[in-house]
Amino acid sequence: MPESIESRVRDLPPSSKLVFKVIERNGRLTQGQIAAESMLSARTVRYALDRLKGVDAVRETVYLPDARKSVYALADGDDEELAPAW
């Protein structure tokens, strides 16, 4: 049986858990939006996202309105969640 997303996040640092909850509550977000919503520094958000991607808890795609940015969503979410928001 596949491991649940919550069990993969359980052993991560508190900052990663907070970022996970912010994405879970708000859906697709850019790194800047996550930093603003969580009140964490940009560096801490980058670290947390790296940890979450490392356990396949979040997915990263290109943010189409500004291709220099990425958008993050839960890995178990629908592919529709990663579609561009026009």
C-alpha atoms as a PDB file:
ATOM      1  CA  MET A   1       0.000   0.000   0.000  1.00  0.00           C
ATOM      2  CA  PRO A   2       1.446   3.422  -0.926  1.00  0.00           C
ATOM      3  CA  GLU A   3       2.591   5.657   1.884  1.00  0.00           C
ATOM      4  CA  SER A   4       0.290   8.622   2.554  1.00  0.00           C
ATOM      5  CA  ILE A   5       1.520  12.146   1.967  1.00  0.00           C
ATOM      6  CA  GLU A   6       1.056  13.000   5.661  1.00  0.00           C
ATOM      7  CA  SER A   7       3.294  10.132   6.755  1.00  0.00           C
ATOM      8  CA  ARG A   8       6.029  11.315   4.379  1.00  0.00           C
ATOM      9  CA  VAL A   9       5.869  14.809   5.922  1.00  0.00           C
ATOM     10  CA  ARG A  10       5.726  13.621   9.538  1.00  0.00           C
ATOM     11  CA  ASP A  11       9.515  13.464  10.087  1.00  0.00           C
ATOM     12  CA  LEU A  12      10.361  16.744   8.341  1.00  0.00           C
ATOM     13  CA  PRO A  13      11.376  19.954  10.178  1.00  0.00           C
ATOM     14  CA  PRO A  14       8.658  22.302  11.482  1.00  0.00           C
ATOM     15  CA  SER A  15       9.230  24.810   8.663  1.00  0.00           C
ATOM     16  CA  SER A  16       8.527  22.120   6.071  1.00  0.00           C
ATOM     17  CA  LYS A  17       5.354  21.114   7.889  1.00  0.00           C
ATOM     18  CA  LEU A  18       4.205  24.741   7.971  1.00  0.00           C
ATOM     19  CA  VAL A  19       4.858  25.193   4.241  1.00  0.00           C
ATOM     20  CA  PHE A  20       2.994  21.933   3.580  1.00  0.00           C
ATOM     21  CA  LYS A  21      -0.031  23.192   5.559  1.00  0.00           C
ATOM     22  CA  VAL A  22       0.034  26.565   3.779  1.00  0.00           C
ATOM     23  CA  ILE A  23      -0.032  24.817   0.387  1.00  0.00           C
ATOM     24  CA  GLU A  24      -2.677  22.378   1.606  1.00  0.00           C
ATOM     25  CA  ARG A  25      -4.920  25.240   2.754  1.00  0.00           C
ATOM     26  CA  ASN A  26      -4.358  27.642  -0.159  1.00  0.00           C
ATOM     27  CA  GLY A  27      -3.677  25.372  -3.136  1.00  0.00           C
ATOM     28  CA  ARG A  28      -1.226  26.442  -5.872  1.00  0.00           C
ATOM     29  CA  LEU A  29       1.232  29.097  -4.693  1.00  0.00           C
ATOM     30  CA  THR A  30       4.489  30.664  -5.798  1.00  0.00           C
ATOM     31  CA  GLN A  31       7.471  30.742  -3.479  1.00  0.00           C
ATOM     32  CA  GLY A  32       6.851  34.417  -2.701  1.00  0.00           C
ATOM     33  CA  GLN A  33       3.212  33.757  -1.885  1.00  0.00           C
ATOM     34  CA  ILE A  34       4.222  30.913   0.443  1.00  0.00           C
ATOM     35  CA  ALA A  35       6.736  33.185   2.203  1.00  0.00           C
ATOM     36  CA  ALA A  36       4.118  35.913   2.668  1.00  0.00           C
ATOM     37  CA  GLU A  37       1.432  33.520   3.872  1.00  0.00           C
ATOM     38  CA  SER A  38       3.704  31.580   6.263  1.00  0.00           C
ATOM     39  CA  MET A  39       5.722  34.619   7.427  1.00  0.00           C
ATOM     40  CA  LEU A  40       8.931  32.596   6.867  1.00  0.00           C
ATOM     41  CA  SER A  41      12.019  33.987   5.174  1.00  0.00           C
ATOM     42  CA  ALA A  42      12.557  33.240   1.479  1.00  0.00           C
ATOM     43  CA  ARG A  43      15.573  31.101   2.350  1.00  0.00           C
ATOM     44  CA  THR A  44      13.578  29.017   4.846  1.00  0.00           C
ATOM     45  CA  VAL A  45      10.791  28.541   2.304  1.00  0.00           C
ATOM     46  CA  ARG A  46      13.318  27.359  -0.321  1.00  0.00           C
ATOM     47  CA  TYR A  47      14.770  24.886   2.183  1.00  0.00           C
ATOM     48  CA  ALA A  48      11.313  23.632   3.183  1.00  0.00           C
ATOM     49  CA  LEU A  49      10.238  23.214  -0.455  1.00  0.00           C
ATOM     50  CA  ASP A  50      13.423  21.274  -1.223  1.00  0.00           C
ATOM     51  CA  ARG A  51      12.685  18.938   1.687  1.00  0.00           C
ATOM     52  CA  LEU A  52       9.045  18.525   0.611  1.00  0.00           C
ATOM     53  CA  LYS A  53      10.060  17.803  -2.991  1.00  0.00           C
ATOM     54  CA  GLY A  54      12.606  15.298  -1.666  1.00  0.00           C
ATOM     55  CA  VAL A  55       9.835  13.193  -0.130  1.00  0.00           C
ATOM     56  CA  ASP A  56       7.494  13.738  -3.109  1.00  0.00           C
ATOM     57  CA  ALA A  57       5.013  15.753  -1.052  1.00  0.00           C
ATOM     58  CA  VAL A  58       4.841  18.734  -3.444  1.00  0.00           C
ATOM     59  CA  ARG A  59       5.151  19.228  -7.194  1.00  0.00           C
ATOM     60  CA  GLU A  60       6.782  22.168  -8.917  1.00  0.00           C
ATOM     61  CA  THR A  61       5.712  23.541 -12.299  1.00  0.00           C
ATOM     62  CA  VAL A  62       6.358  26.705 -14.260  1.00  0.00           C
ATOM     63  CA  TYR A  63       4.201  29.688 -13.347  1.00  0.00           C
ATOM     64  CA  LEU A  64       2.918  30.644 -16.816  1.00  0.00           C
ATOM     65  CA  PRO A  65       2.207  34.339 -16.135  1.00  0.00           C
ATOM     66  CA  ASP A  66       5.917  34.714 -15.232  1.00  0.00           C
ATOM     67  CA  ALA A  67       8.098  31.830 -16.455  1.00  0.00           C
ATOM     68  CA  ARG A  68      10.926  32.890 -14.110  1.00  0.00           C
ATOM     69  CA  LYS A  69       8.844  31.649 -11.190  1.00  0.00           C
ATOM     70  CA  SER A  70       7.536  28.246 -10.157  1.00  0.00           C
ATOM     71  CA  VAL A  71       4.208  27.271  -8.674  1.00  0.00           C
ATOM     72  CA  TYR A  72       3.916  24.589  -5.998  1.00  0.00           C
ATOM     73  CA  ALA A  73       1.011  22.253  -5.209  1.00  0.00           C
ATOM     74  CA  LEU A  74       0.552  19.067  -3.226  1.00  0.00           C
ATOM     75  CA  ALA A  75       1.788  15.989  -5.066  1.00  0.00           C
ATOM     76  CA  ASP A  76      -1.431  14.095  -4.348  1.00  0.00           C
ATOM     77  CA  GLY A  77      -3.544  16.910  -5.800  1.00  0.00           C
ATOM     78  CA  ASP A  78      -5.297  16.768  -9.136  1.00  0.00           C
ATOM     79  CA  ASP A  79      -3.349  17.689 -12.243  1.00  0.00           C
ATOM     80  CA  GLU A  80      -5.966  20.400 -12.753  1.00  0.00           C
ATOM     81  CA  GLU A  81      -4.542  22.151  -9.695  1.00  0.00           C
ATOM     82  CA  LEU A  82      -1.300  22.678 -11.598  1.00  0.00           C
ATOM     83  CA  ALA A  83      -3.024  24.091 -14.651  1.00  0.00           C
ATOM     84  CA  PRO A  84      -2.451  27.795 -15.219  1.00  0.00           C
ATOM     85  CA  ALA A  85      -4.769  30.188 -13.442  1.00  0.00           C
ATOM     86  CA  TRP A  86      -5.935  32.537 -16.224  1.00  0.00           C
END
